[in-house]
Amino acid sequence: MSSGPNISQNSSEPTKLCFVTVGATASFNALVLEIIERPFLAALQAHHYTDLLVQYGQQGEQLFEEFKKKNELEVKEKYGLNLSGFSFNLRGLKCEILSVKANPSVGRDEGLIISHSGSGTILEVLRLGVPLMVVPNPALLHNHQVELAEQLSASGYVLHGKLGNLAASLDEAEKFRSRIHEWPPTNTGPASDKRGLARVMEDELGFVD
C-alpha cells in the first residue's frame, strides 16, 4: 500500500514524473519488466524525467523489488532517475496522477502516465487532464482492452502504447503532450464511425477497475 508518491525535488532542475500503473486486479508483469529495462530508462533520461513511480500490483512485487535492490544506485547514477514503487493503494491513485501534472510553483514539469487499458484508470486520468499512454495487456482474454485503446487513440484522447516499443513511444508521447492541450480533439478516422468511442466505453464499463 502507498502513502503517496515520493517525488524528488532538486532546486537546480524541475522534477518530471513517469507514473506506471498495472491496475488492481490482473497482473501485468510484461509491462513492469519493460519499463525497468535499460532502453526505457535511457529514453526517460533523454526526455528529462527525474522520477519513475511504478504501481506494480501484487504479482509484480517480487520482480520490481528485486530489480530495485540490485539496480537502484545504477538507475540513479546512470539515468538520473529516482525509482520507487508500490503494490496497491486502497485510497485510489488520484494523488499519484496529480503528481504528473505540471506545477511551476513547486518546480514540477508535466510528466506522463503509462497505464494498462482499464476503463476506471483511463476515465480518472482523462478527468484530471494528464497525458496518458495506454498499453493493452495481451495476456487477458475476452476483453476490450485493445479495441478501447485503439478507439481512444483514434479520437485523440490517449496515446496507444505497445509492448516491445515503449521506449520509442516516449518520443511520440512528447508530441502527444502538446496535442492534448488543444482539446477537444477532432473526432476523425475510425473514431467517426457510428457510435465509436461511446460504444467501446459502454462495453468496457462492465469491467471498471
N, C-alpha and C. Protein backbone atom coordinates (compact mmCIF):
# COMPACT_ATOMS: atom_id res chain seq x y z
N MET A 1 0.83 -1.19 0.00
CA MET A 1 0.00 0.00 0.00
C MET A 1 0.87 1.25 0.00
N SER A 2 0.40 2.31 -0.63
CA SER A 2 1.22 3.51 -0.79
C SER A 2 0.78 4.60 0.17
N SER A 3 1.75 5.37 0.63
CA SER A 3 1.45 6.55 1.44
C SER A 3 1.54 7.81 0.61
N GLY A 4 1.59 7.64 -0.73
CA GLY A 4 1.70 8.78 -1.63
C GLY A 4 3.04 8.75 -2.34
N PRO A 5 3.13 9.38 -3.48
CA PRO A 5 4.36 9.33 -4.26
C PRO A 5 5.50 10.05 -3.57
N ASN A 6 6.68 9.45 -3.66
CA ASN A 6 7.88 10.07 -3.10
C ASN A 6 8.67 10.67 -4.25
N ILE A 7 8.36 11.92 -4.59
CA ILE A 7 8.94 12.56 -5.75
C ILE A 7 10.11 13.43 -5.33
N SER A 8 11.20 13.30 -6.07
CA SER A 8 12.40 14.05 -5.75
C SER A 8 12.19 15.54 -5.95
N GLN A 9 13.00 16.33 -5.31
CA GLN A 9 12.96 17.78 -5.51
C GLN A 9 14.38 18.30 -5.48
N ASN A 10 14.83 18.81 -6.62
CA ASN A 10 16.17 19.36 -6.73
C ASN A 10 16.03 20.81 -7.17
N SER A 11 16.62 21.72 -6.43
CA SER A 11 16.44 23.14 -6.71
C SER A 11 17.02 23.54 -8.06
N SER A 12 17.95 22.74 -8.62
CA SER A 12 18.61 23.11 -9.86
C SER A 12 17.83 22.70 -11.10
N GLU A 13 16.86 21.82 -10.98
CA GLU A 13 16.09 21.39 -12.13
C GLU A 13 14.68 20.98 -11.70
N PRO A 14 13.71 21.14 -12.60
CA PRO A 14 12.35 20.73 -12.25
C PRO A 14 12.23 19.21 -12.22
N THR A 15 11.31 18.71 -11.43
CA THR A 15 11.03 17.29 -11.42
C THR A 15 10.08 16.95 -12.56
N LYS A 16 10.13 15.71 -12.99
CA LYS A 16 9.26 15.23 -14.06
C LYS A 16 9.02 13.74 -13.83
N LEU A 17 7.76 13.38 -13.60
CA LEU A 17 7.41 12.03 -13.17
C LEU A 17 6.79 11.21 -14.29
N CYS A 18 7.27 9.97 -14.42
CA CYS A 18 6.58 8.95 -15.20
C CYS A 18 5.96 7.98 -14.21
N PHE A 19 4.63 7.92 -14.21
CA PHE A 19 3.91 7.02 -13.31
C PHE A 19 3.32 5.88 -14.12
N VAL A 20 3.67 4.66 -13.75
CA VAL A 20 3.21 3.47 -14.45
C VAL A 20 2.28 2.69 -13.53
N THR A 21 1.09 2.33 -14.03
CA THR A 21 0.14 1.58 -13.22
C THR A 21 -0.39 0.37 -13.98
N VAL A 22 -0.43 -0.77 -13.29
CA VAL A 22 -0.94 -2.01 -13.91
C VAL A 22 -2.36 -2.32 -13.46
N GLY A 23 -2.90 -1.53 -12.53
CA GLY A 23 -4.26 -1.77 -12.06
C GLY A 23 -4.30 -2.62 -10.80
N ALA A 24 -5.52 -2.88 -10.35
CA ALA A 24 -5.71 -3.52 -9.05
C ALA A 24 -5.95 -5.02 -9.13
N THR A 25 -6.25 -5.54 -10.31
CA THR A 25 -6.69 -6.94 -10.39
C THR A 25 -5.69 -7.82 -11.12
N ALA A 26 -5.76 -7.87 -12.44
CA ALA A 26 -4.91 -8.76 -13.22
C ALA A 26 -3.45 -8.31 -13.18
N SER A 27 -2.54 -9.27 -13.15
CA SER A 27 -1.12 -8.93 -13.19
C SER A 27 -0.73 -8.49 -14.60
N PHE A 28 0.30 -7.68 -14.68
CA PHE A 28 0.80 -7.20 -15.97
C PHE A 28 2.32 -7.08 -15.85
N ASN A 29 2.97 -8.19 -15.54
CA ASN A 29 4.41 -8.16 -15.33
C ASN A 29 5.19 -7.82 -16.59
N ALA A 30 4.62 -8.10 -17.76
CA ALA A 30 5.31 -7.76 -19.01
C ALA A 30 5.53 -6.25 -19.10
N LEU A 31 4.56 -5.47 -18.64
CA LEU A 31 4.70 -4.01 -18.64
C LEU A 31 5.75 -3.58 -17.62
N VAL A 32 5.69 -4.16 -16.43
CA VAL A 32 6.67 -3.81 -15.39
C VAL A 32 8.09 -4.11 -15.86
N LEU A 33 8.27 -5.28 -16.47
CA LEU A 33 9.60 -5.67 -16.93
C LEU A 33 10.14 -4.72 -17.99
N GLU A 34 9.28 -4.29 -18.90
CA GLU A 34 9.77 -3.43 -19.98
C GLU A 34 10.15 -2.05 -19.51
N ILE A 35 9.43 -1.51 -18.53
CA ILE A 35 9.74 -0.14 -18.12
C ILE A 35 10.96 -0.07 -17.18
N ILE A 36 11.47 -1.23 -16.74
CA ILE A 36 12.71 -1.20 -15.96
C ILE A 36 13.90 -1.70 -16.78
N GLU A 37 13.69 -1.92 -18.07
CA GLU A 37 14.80 -2.26 -18.95
C GLU A 37 15.59 -1.01 -19.31
N ARG A 38 16.87 -1.21 -19.65
CA ARG A 38 17.76 -0.08 -19.92
C ARG A 38 17.29 0.82 -21.04
N PRO A 39 16.77 0.30 -22.17
CA PRO A 39 16.32 1.22 -23.24
C PRO A 39 15.23 2.18 -22.78
N PHE A 40 14.31 1.70 -21.96
CA PHE A 40 13.25 2.58 -21.48
C PHE A 40 13.79 3.60 -20.50
N LEU A 41 14.66 3.17 -19.60
CA LEU A 41 15.27 4.09 -18.64
C LEU A 41 16.07 5.17 -19.36
N ALA A 42 16.78 4.78 -20.42
CA ALA A 42 17.56 5.74 -21.19
C ALA A 42 16.64 6.73 -21.90
N ALA A 43 15.49 6.24 -22.38
CA ALA A 43 14.53 7.13 -23.05
C ALA A 43 13.95 8.13 -22.05
N LEU A 44 13.68 7.69 -20.84
CA LEU A 44 13.22 8.61 -19.81
C LEU A 44 14.25 9.69 -19.56
N GLN A 45 15.51 9.29 -19.46
CA GLN A 45 16.58 10.26 -19.24
C GLN A 45 16.65 11.27 -20.39
N ALA A 46 16.51 10.77 -21.61
CA ALA A 46 16.61 11.65 -22.78
C ALA A 46 15.51 12.71 -22.80
N HIS A 47 14.38 12.38 -22.18
CA HIS A 47 13.26 13.33 -22.14
C HIS A 47 13.15 14.03 -20.78
N HIS A 48 14.24 14.00 -20.03
CA HIS A 48 14.40 14.81 -18.81
C HIS A 48 13.46 14.40 -17.67
N TYR A 49 13.13 13.12 -17.60
CA TYR A 49 12.38 12.63 -16.45
C TYR A 49 13.34 12.49 -15.27
N THR A 50 12.82 12.76 -14.09
CA THR A 50 13.63 12.64 -12.87
C THR A 50 13.15 11.52 -11.95
N ASP A 51 11.90 11.05 -12.17
CA ASP A 51 11.31 10.06 -11.27
C ASP A 51 10.51 9.03 -12.05
N LEU A 52 10.64 7.78 -11.61
CA LEU A 52 9.84 6.68 -12.15
C LEU A 52 9.14 6.00 -10.99
N LEU A 53 7.82 6.08 -10.98
CA LEU A 53 7.00 5.50 -9.92
C LEU A 53 6.14 4.41 -10.54
N VAL A 54 6.18 3.21 -9.94
CA VAL A 54 5.51 2.06 -10.53
C VAL A 54 4.52 1.45 -9.55
N GLN A 55 3.24 1.39 -9.95
CA GLN A 55 2.25 0.60 -9.22
C GLN A 55 2.22 -0.75 -9.91
N TYR A 56 2.91 -1.72 -9.29
CA TYR A 56 3.20 -2.99 -9.96
C TYR A 56 2.23 -4.11 -9.62
N GLY A 57 1.30 -3.90 -8.69
CA GLY A 57 0.36 -4.96 -8.33
C GLY A 57 1.00 -6.03 -7.48
N GLN A 58 0.19 -6.89 -6.92
CA GLN A 58 0.70 -7.93 -6.04
C GLN A 58 1.62 -8.91 -6.76
N GLN A 59 1.28 -9.24 -8.00
CA GLN A 59 2.07 -10.22 -8.74
C GLN A 59 3.41 -9.66 -9.21
N GLY A 60 3.53 -8.35 -9.24
CA GLY A 60 4.77 -7.75 -9.73
C GLY A 60 5.73 -7.32 -8.64
N GLU A 61 5.34 -7.51 -7.39
CA GLU A 61 6.15 -7.01 -6.29
C GLU A 61 7.54 -7.63 -6.25
N GLN A 62 7.63 -8.93 -6.38
CA GLN A 62 8.92 -9.59 -6.25
C GLN A 62 9.90 -9.14 -7.34
N LEU A 63 9.43 -9.11 -8.59
CA LEU A 63 10.36 -8.76 -9.66
C LEU A 63 10.79 -7.30 -9.57
N PHE A 64 9.87 -6.40 -9.18
CA PHE A 64 10.23 -4.99 -9.06
C PHE A 64 11.19 -4.77 -7.91
N GLU A 65 10.88 -5.33 -6.75
CA GLU A 65 11.71 -5.10 -5.58
C GLU A 65 13.10 -5.71 -5.75
N GLU A 66 13.18 -6.86 -6.42
CA GLU A 66 14.49 -7.46 -6.68
C GLU A 66 15.32 -6.58 -7.61
N PHE A 67 14.66 -6.04 -8.65
CA PHE A 67 15.36 -5.13 -9.56
C PHE A 67 15.84 -3.89 -8.82
N LYS A 68 14.96 -3.32 -8.01
CA LYS A 68 15.32 -2.10 -7.29
C LYS A 68 16.49 -2.35 -6.33
N LYS A 69 16.47 -3.48 -5.63
CA LYS A 69 17.53 -3.79 -4.68
C LYS A 69 18.89 -3.88 -5.38
N LYS A 70 18.91 -4.46 -6.57
CA LYS A 70 20.16 -4.68 -7.28
C LYS A 70 20.60 -3.47 -8.11
N ASN A 71 19.64 -2.64 -8.54
CA ASN A 71 19.95 -1.65 -9.56
C ASN A 71 19.60 -0.21 -9.21
N GLU A 72 19.06 0.04 -8.03
CA GLU A 72 18.60 1.39 -7.70
C GLU A 72 19.71 2.42 -7.83
N LEU A 73 20.90 2.09 -7.36
CA LEU A 73 22.01 3.03 -7.42
C LEU A 73 22.40 3.32 -8.87
N GLU A 74 22.44 2.28 -9.71
CA GLU A 74 22.78 2.48 -11.12
C GLU A 74 21.72 3.32 -11.82
N VAL A 75 20.45 3.05 -11.52
CA VAL A 75 19.36 3.82 -12.14
C VAL A 75 19.50 5.29 -11.81
N LYS A 76 19.91 5.59 -10.59
CA LYS A 76 20.08 6.98 -10.18
C LYS A 76 21.32 7.60 -10.81
N GLU A 77 22.44 6.90 -10.75
CA GLU A 77 23.70 7.48 -11.21
C GLU A 77 23.80 7.54 -12.73
N LYS A 78 23.31 6.49 -13.42
CA LYS A 78 23.45 6.42 -14.87
C LYS A 78 22.32 7.13 -15.61
N TYR A 79 21.10 7.05 -15.06
CA TYR A 79 19.95 7.60 -15.77
C TYR A 79 19.32 8.80 -15.07
N GLY A 80 19.82 9.15 -13.90
CA GLY A 80 19.31 10.32 -13.19
C GLY A 80 17.89 10.16 -12.68
N LEU A 81 17.48 8.91 -12.41
CA LEU A 81 16.10 8.64 -12.03
C LEU A 81 15.99 8.15 -10.60
N ASN A 82 15.00 8.67 -9.89
CA ASN A 82 14.62 8.14 -8.59
C ASN A 82 13.56 7.08 -8.83
N LEU A 83 13.81 5.87 -8.38
CA LEU A 83 12.95 4.72 -8.64
C LEU A 83 12.18 4.34 -7.38
N SER A 84 10.85 4.25 -7.50
CA SER A 84 10.04 3.83 -6.37
C SER A 84 8.81 3.10 -6.88
N GLY A 85 8.17 2.33 -5.99
CA GLY A 85 7.00 1.57 -6.42
C GLY A 85 6.17 1.10 -5.24
N PHE A 86 4.99 0.61 -5.54
CA PHE A 86 4.09 0.08 -4.53
C PHE A 86 3.13 -0.88 -5.22
N SER A 87 2.48 -1.74 -4.42
CA SER A 87 1.61 -2.75 -5.00
C SER A 87 0.22 -2.21 -5.30
N PHE A 88 -0.39 -1.54 -4.33
CA PHE A 88 -1.76 -1.08 -4.48
C PHE A 88 -2.05 -0.02 -3.44
N ASN A 89 -2.97 0.88 -3.77
CA ASN A 89 -3.36 1.93 -2.84
C ASN A 89 -4.88 1.90 -2.68
N LEU A 90 -5.33 1.56 -1.51
CA LEU A 90 -6.77 1.45 -1.25
C LEU A 90 -7.50 2.78 -1.43
N ARG A 91 -6.78 3.87 -1.31
CA ARG A 91 -7.39 5.20 -1.45
C ARG A 91 -7.48 5.65 -2.91
N GLY A 92 -7.02 4.80 -3.83
CA GLY A 92 -7.04 5.17 -5.23
C GLY A 92 -5.73 5.82 -5.66
N LEU A 93 -5.67 6.27 -6.90
CA LEU A 93 -4.43 6.76 -7.48
C LEU A 93 -4.46 8.26 -7.79
N LYS A 94 -5.43 8.97 -7.24
CA LYS A 94 -5.55 10.38 -7.56
C LYS A 94 -4.29 11.16 -7.20
N CYS A 95 -3.72 10.88 -6.06
CA CYS A 95 -2.52 11.60 -5.61
C CYS A 95 -1.37 11.38 -6.58
N GLU A 96 -1.18 10.12 -7.00
CA GLU A 96 -0.11 9.81 -7.95
C GLU A 96 -0.36 10.46 -9.31
N ILE A 97 -1.61 10.42 -9.75
CA ILE A 97 -1.95 11.02 -11.03
C ILE A 97 -1.69 12.52 -11.02
N LEU A 98 -2.12 13.18 -9.95
CA LEU A 98 -1.92 14.62 -9.85
C LEU A 98 -0.44 15.00 -9.78
N SER A 99 0.39 14.07 -9.31
CA SER A 99 1.83 14.34 -9.23
C SER A 99 2.48 14.38 -10.60
N VAL A 100 1.75 13.99 -11.63
CA VAL A 100 2.24 14.06 -13.00
C VAL A 100 1.95 15.44 -13.61
N LYS A 101 0.95 16.14 -13.09
CA LYS A 101 0.58 17.44 -13.63
C LYS A 101 1.67 18.49 -13.35
N ALA A 102 1.82 19.39 -14.29
CA ALA A 102 2.80 20.47 -14.11
C ALA A 102 2.38 21.37 -12.96
N ASN A 103 3.36 21.83 -12.20
CA ASN A 103 3.12 22.75 -11.10
C ASN A 103 4.36 23.62 -10.93
N PRO A 104 4.45 24.73 -11.67
CA PRO A 104 5.65 25.57 -11.62
C PRO A 104 5.97 26.08 -10.22
N SER A 105 4.96 26.22 -9.37
CA SER A 105 5.20 26.76 -8.04
C SER A 105 6.06 25.84 -7.18
N VAL A 106 6.07 24.55 -7.52
CA VAL A 106 6.91 23.59 -6.77
C VAL A 106 8.01 23.02 -7.66
N GLY A 107 8.22 23.63 -8.84
CA GLY A 107 9.28 23.19 -9.72
C GLY A 107 9.02 21.85 -10.36
N ARG A 108 7.81 21.65 -10.87
CA ARG A 108 7.46 20.36 -11.47
C ARG A 108 6.96 20.53 -12.89
N ASP A 109 7.61 19.84 -13.83
CA ASP A 109 7.15 19.80 -15.21
C ASP A 109 6.09 18.72 -15.38
N GLU A 110 5.31 18.83 -16.45
CA GLU A 110 4.30 17.81 -16.72
C GLU A 110 4.97 16.52 -17.16
N GLY A 111 4.54 15.41 -16.58
CA GLY A 111 5.10 14.11 -16.91
C GLY A 111 4.16 13.28 -17.74
N LEU A 112 4.12 11.98 -17.47
CA LEU A 112 3.34 11.04 -18.27
C LEU A 112 2.87 9.89 -17.40
N ILE A 113 1.65 9.41 -17.69
CA ILE A 113 1.15 8.18 -17.08
C ILE A 113 1.13 7.10 -18.13
N ILE A 114 1.64 5.93 -17.78
CA ILE A 114 1.56 4.75 -18.62
C ILE A 114 0.70 3.74 -17.87
N SER A 115 -0.41 3.34 -18.50
CA SER A 115 -1.39 2.52 -17.79
C SER A 115 -1.83 1.32 -18.61
N HIS A 116 -2.21 0.27 -17.90
CA HIS A 116 -2.97 -0.81 -18.53
C HIS A 116 -4.26 -0.19 -19.07
N SER A 117 -4.98 -0.94 -19.87
CA SER A 117 -6.15 -0.36 -20.54
C SER A 117 -7.43 -0.59 -19.74
N GLY A 118 -7.38 -0.35 -18.44
CA GLY A 118 -8.57 -0.46 -17.60
C GLY A 118 -9.39 0.82 -17.67
N SER A 119 -10.68 0.68 -17.89
CA SER A 119 -11.52 1.86 -18.10
C SER A 119 -11.57 2.78 -16.89
N GLY A 120 -11.54 2.21 -15.68
CA GLY A 120 -11.60 3.05 -14.49
C GLY A 120 -10.40 3.97 -14.40
N THR A 121 -9.21 3.43 -14.63
CA THR A 121 -8.00 4.24 -14.60
C THR A 121 -8.02 5.29 -15.71
N ILE A 122 -8.41 4.87 -16.91
CA ILE A 122 -8.44 5.79 -18.04
C ILE A 122 -9.36 6.97 -17.77
N LEU A 123 -10.57 6.69 -17.28
CA LEU A 123 -11.52 7.76 -17.02
C LEU A 123 -11.02 8.73 -15.96
N GLU A 124 -10.36 8.21 -14.92
CA GLU A 124 -9.83 9.07 -13.87
C GLU A 124 -8.73 9.98 -14.42
N VAL A 125 -7.84 9.42 -15.23
CA VAL A 125 -6.75 10.21 -15.80
C VAL A 125 -7.29 11.27 -16.75
N LEU A 126 -8.23 10.88 -17.60
CA LEU A 126 -8.80 11.85 -18.54
C LEU A 126 -9.53 12.97 -17.81
N ARG A 127 -10.19 12.62 -16.73
CA ARG A 127 -10.92 13.63 -15.94
C ARG A 127 -9.96 14.67 -15.37
N LEU A 128 -8.76 14.23 -15.02
CA LEU A 128 -7.78 15.13 -14.40
C LEU A 128 -6.87 15.79 -15.44
N GLY A 129 -7.02 15.42 -16.72
CA GLY A 129 -6.30 16.10 -17.78
C GLY A 129 -4.81 15.87 -17.81
N VAL A 130 -4.40 14.61 -17.60
CA VAL A 130 -2.98 14.26 -17.57
C VAL A 130 -2.64 13.43 -18.80
N PRO A 131 -1.47 13.65 -19.43
CA PRO A 131 -1.08 12.84 -20.59
C PRO A 131 -1.04 11.35 -20.25
N LEU A 132 -1.61 10.53 -21.12
CA LEU A 132 -1.78 9.11 -20.83
C LEU A 132 -1.38 8.25 -22.02
N MET A 133 -0.51 7.26 -21.76
CA MET A 133 -0.21 6.22 -22.72
C MET A 133 -0.88 4.94 -22.23
N VAL A 134 -1.75 4.37 -23.06
CA VAL A 134 -2.48 3.16 -22.68
C VAL A 134 -1.81 1.95 -23.34
N VAL A 135 -1.51 0.92 -22.54
CA VAL A 135 -0.86 -0.28 -23.03
C VAL A 135 -1.75 -1.48 -22.74
N PRO A 136 -2.42 -2.03 -23.73
CA PRO A 136 -3.28 -3.21 -23.51
C PRO A 136 -2.46 -4.41 -23.04
N ASN A 137 -3.08 -5.22 -22.21
CA ASN A 137 -2.45 -6.43 -21.70
C ASN A 137 -2.82 -7.61 -22.60
N PRO A 138 -1.90 -8.13 -23.40
CA PRO A 138 -2.24 -9.20 -24.34
C PRO A 138 -2.54 -10.53 -23.67
N ALA A 139 -2.22 -10.64 -22.37
CA ALA A 139 -2.47 -11.89 -21.66
C ALA A 139 -3.93 -12.05 -21.26
N LEU A 140 -4.71 -10.97 -21.33
CA LEU A 140 -6.11 -11.03 -20.94
C LEU A 140 -6.96 -11.43 -22.14
N LEU A 141 -7.85 -12.39 -21.93
CA LEU A 141 -8.70 -12.87 -23.00
C LEU A 141 -10.12 -12.33 -22.85
N HIS A 142 -10.83 -12.24 -23.97
CA HIS A 142 -12.25 -11.87 -23.98
C HIS A 142 -12.49 -10.52 -23.30
N ASN A 143 -11.69 -9.54 -23.65
CA ASN A 143 -11.90 -8.20 -23.12
C ASN A 143 -11.75 -7.20 -24.26
N HIS A 144 -11.97 -5.95 -23.95
CA HIS A 144 -12.00 -4.90 -24.97
C HIS A 144 -10.78 -3.98 -24.88
N GLN A 145 -9.69 -4.44 -24.25
CA GLN A 145 -8.57 -3.53 -24.00
C GLN A 145 -7.96 -2.97 -25.28
N VAL A 146 -7.69 -3.83 -26.25
CA VAL A 146 -7.08 -3.34 -27.49
C VAL A 146 -8.04 -2.42 -28.23
N GLU A 147 -9.31 -2.83 -28.31
CA GLU A 147 -10.30 -2.01 -29.00
C GLU A 147 -10.46 -0.66 -28.32
N LEU A 148 -10.49 -0.67 -27.00
CA LEU A 148 -10.63 0.57 -26.25
C LEU A 148 -9.43 1.49 -26.49
N ALA A 149 -8.23 0.93 -26.44
CA ALA A 149 -7.02 1.73 -26.66
C ALA A 149 -7.00 2.31 -28.07
N GLU A 150 -7.37 1.50 -29.06
CA GLU A 150 -7.37 1.97 -30.44
C GLU A 150 -8.39 3.08 -30.65
N GLN A 151 -9.58 2.93 -30.05
CA GLN A 151 -10.62 3.93 -30.24
C GLN A 151 -10.27 5.24 -29.55
N LEU A 152 -9.75 5.15 -28.35
CA LEU A 152 -9.36 6.36 -27.62
C LEU A 152 -8.20 7.07 -28.31
N SER A 153 -7.27 6.28 -28.85
CA SER A 153 -6.15 6.87 -29.57
C SER A 153 -6.61 7.55 -30.85
N ALA A 154 -7.50 6.89 -31.59
CA ALA A 154 -8.02 7.47 -32.83
C ALA A 154 -8.79 8.75 -32.55
N SER A 155 -9.41 8.85 -31.38
CA SER A 155 -10.15 10.05 -31.00
C SER A 155 -9.25 11.15 -30.48
N GLY A 156 -7.99 10.81 -30.22
CA GLY A 156 -7.04 11.82 -29.76
C GLY A 156 -6.95 11.98 -28.26
N TYR A 157 -7.56 11.07 -27.50
CA TYR A 157 -7.57 11.21 -26.05
C TYR A 157 -6.35 10.61 -25.38
N VAL A 158 -5.82 9.51 -25.93
CA VAL A 158 -4.68 8.84 -25.33
C VAL A 158 -3.68 8.47 -26.42
N LEU A 159 -2.51 8.07 -25.98
CA LEU A 159 -1.50 7.50 -26.87
C LEU A 159 -1.55 5.99 -26.69
N HIS A 160 -1.64 5.25 -27.78
CA HIS A 160 -1.70 3.79 -27.73
C HIS A 160 -0.29 3.24 -27.72
N GLY A 161 0.15 2.72 -26.57
CA GLY A 161 1.47 2.12 -26.46
C GLY A 161 1.40 0.61 -26.63
N LYS A 162 2.48 0.03 -27.13
CA LYS A 162 2.52 -1.41 -27.37
C LYS A 162 3.77 -2.00 -26.75
N LEU A 163 3.60 -3.14 -26.12
CA LEU A 163 4.74 -3.83 -25.54
C LEU A 163 5.79 -4.07 -26.61
N GLY A 164 7.05 -3.91 -26.25
CA GLY A 164 8.14 -4.09 -27.18
C GLY A 164 8.55 -2.81 -27.87
N ASN A 165 7.79 -1.73 -27.66
CA ASN A 165 8.08 -0.48 -28.34
C ASN A 165 7.90 0.74 -27.44
N LEU A 166 7.91 0.52 -26.13
CA LEU A 166 7.59 1.61 -25.22
C LEU A 166 8.67 2.69 -25.17
N ALA A 167 9.93 2.30 -25.29
CA ALA A 167 10.99 3.31 -25.27
C ALA A 167 10.83 4.27 -26.44
N ALA A 168 10.59 3.73 -27.63
CA ALA A 168 10.39 4.57 -28.80
C ALA A 168 9.12 5.41 -28.68
N SER A 169 8.13 4.87 -27.98
CA SER A 169 6.86 5.58 -27.83
C SER A 169 7.00 6.86 -27.00
N LEU A 170 8.06 6.98 -26.22
CA LEU A 170 8.25 8.20 -25.44
C LEU A 170 8.49 9.41 -26.34
N ASP A 171 9.07 9.19 -27.51
CA ASP A 171 9.23 10.29 -28.46
C ASP A 171 7.86 10.80 -28.90
N GLU A 172 6.96 9.87 -29.22
CA GLU A 172 5.62 10.24 -29.62
C GLU A 172 4.86 10.87 -28.47
N ALA A 173 5.16 10.45 -27.25
CA ALA A 173 4.48 10.99 -26.08
C ALA A 173 4.72 12.49 -25.94
N GLU A 174 5.90 12.96 -26.30
CA GLU A 174 6.18 14.38 -26.20
C GLU A 174 5.37 15.17 -27.23
N LYS A 175 5.15 14.61 -28.41
CA LYS A 175 4.30 15.26 -29.41
C LYS A 175 2.84 15.21 -28.96
N PHE A 176 2.45 14.07 -28.39
CA PHE A 176 1.09 13.90 -27.91
C PHE A 176 0.76 14.91 -26.82
N ARG A 177 1.76 15.21 -25.99
CA ARG A 177 1.57 16.14 -24.88
C ARG A 177 1.03 17.49 -25.37
N SER A 178 1.60 18.00 -26.45
CA SER A 178 1.16 19.29 -26.96
C SER A 178 -0.23 19.20 -27.59
N ARG A 179 -0.54 18.04 -28.18
CA ARG A 179 -1.84 17.90 -28.84
C ARG A 179 -2.99 17.85 -27.85
N ILE A 180 -2.79 17.19 -26.71
CA ILE A 180 -3.92 17.03 -25.80
C ILE A 180 -4.35 18.34 -25.17
N HIS A 181 -3.46 19.32 -25.16
CA HIS A 181 -3.83 20.61 -24.59
C HIS A 181 -4.58 21.48 -25.59
N GLU A 182 -4.87 20.91 -26.75
CA GLU A 182 -5.68 21.58 -27.76
C GLU A 182 -7.07 20.95 -27.83
N TRP A 183 -7.49 20.26 -26.77
CA TRP A 183 -8.80 19.60 -26.73
C TRP A 183 -9.92 20.60 -26.94
N PRO A 184 -11.12 20.17 -27.38
CA PRO A 184 -11.46 18.78 -27.67
C PRO A 184 -10.85 18.30 -28.97
N PRO A 185 -10.36 17.05 -29.02
CA PRO A 185 -9.75 16.54 -30.23
C PRO A 185 -10.79 16.36 -31.33
N THR A 186 -10.31 16.36 -32.57
CA THR A 186 -11.20 16.15 -33.70
C THR A 186 -11.59 14.69 -33.80
N ASN A 187 -12.86 14.42 -33.92
CA ASN A 187 -13.33 13.05 -34.00
C ASN A 187 -13.30 12.61 -35.46
N THR A 188 -12.14 12.11 -35.89
CA THR A 188 -11.95 11.75 -37.28
C THR A 188 -11.53 10.30 -37.40
N GLY A 189 -11.38 9.84 -38.65
CA GLY A 189 -10.89 8.49 -38.90
C GLY A 189 -11.83 7.46 -38.34
N PRO A 190 -11.27 6.33 -37.81
CA PRO A 190 -12.12 5.26 -37.29
C PRO A 190 -13.06 5.71 -36.19
N ALA A 191 -12.65 6.74 -35.44
CA ALA A 191 -13.46 7.20 -34.31
C ALA A 191 -14.75 7.87 -34.77
N SER A 192 -14.84 8.22 -36.06
CA SER A 192 -16.04 8.91 -36.53
C SER A 192 -17.13 7.93 -36.97
N ASP A 193 -16.81 6.65 -36.99
CA ASP A 193 -17.76 5.66 -37.46
C ASP A 193 -18.84 5.37 -36.40
N LYS A 194 -20.08 5.51 -36.79
CA LYS A 194 -21.22 5.15 -35.95
C LYS A 194 -21.07 5.76 -34.56
N ARG A 195 -21.15 4.90 -33.51
CA ARG A 195 -21.09 5.42 -32.15
C ARG A 195 -19.68 5.37 -31.59
N GLY A 196 -18.75 4.76 -32.32
CA GLY A 196 -17.34 4.78 -31.99
C GLY A 196 -17.00 4.64 -30.53
N LEU A 197 -16.44 5.70 -29.97
CA LEU A 197 -15.96 5.70 -28.60
C LEU A 197 -17.05 5.36 -27.60
N ALA A 198 -18.24 5.91 -27.79
CA ALA A 198 -19.33 5.65 -26.85
C ALA A 198 -19.63 4.15 -26.76
N ARG A 199 -19.65 3.48 -27.91
CA ARG A 199 -19.94 2.04 -27.90
C ARG A 199 -18.86 1.27 -27.16
N VAL A 200 -17.59 1.59 -27.44
CA VAL A 200 -16.50 0.88 -26.79
C VAL A 200 -16.52 1.10 -25.29
N MET A 201 -16.75 2.34 -24.85
CA MET A 201 -16.76 2.62 -23.43
C MET A 201 -17.93 1.93 -22.73
N GLU A 202 -19.08 1.88 -23.38
CA GLU A 202 -20.21 1.18 -22.80
C GLU A 202 -19.91 -0.29 -22.62
N ASP A 203 -19.24 -0.90 -23.61
CA ASP A 203 -18.86 -2.30 -23.50
C ASP A 203 -17.87 -2.50 -22.36
N GLU A 204 -16.88 -1.62 -22.28
CA GLU A 204 -15.79 -1.78 -21.33
C GLU A 204 -16.21 -1.47 -19.90
N LEU A 205 -17.19 -0.60 -19.72
CA LEU A 205 -17.55 -0.18 -18.37
C LEU A 205 -18.09 -1.31 -17.50
N GLY A 206 -18.36 -2.42 -18.09
CA GLY A 206 -18.74 -3.59 -17.31
C GLY A 206 -17.56 -4.18 -16.57
N PHE A 207 -16.33 -3.65 -16.89
CA PHE A 207 -15.12 -4.20 -16.30
C PHE A 207 -14.29 -3.10 -15.67
N VAL A 208 -14.94 -2.12 -15.06
CA VAL A 208 -14.23 -0.99 -14.45
C VAL A 208 -13.27 -1.50 -13.38
N ASP A 209 -12.02 -1.00 -13.42
CA ASP A 209 -11.05 -1.38 -12.40
C ASP A 209 -10.12 -0.23 -12.11
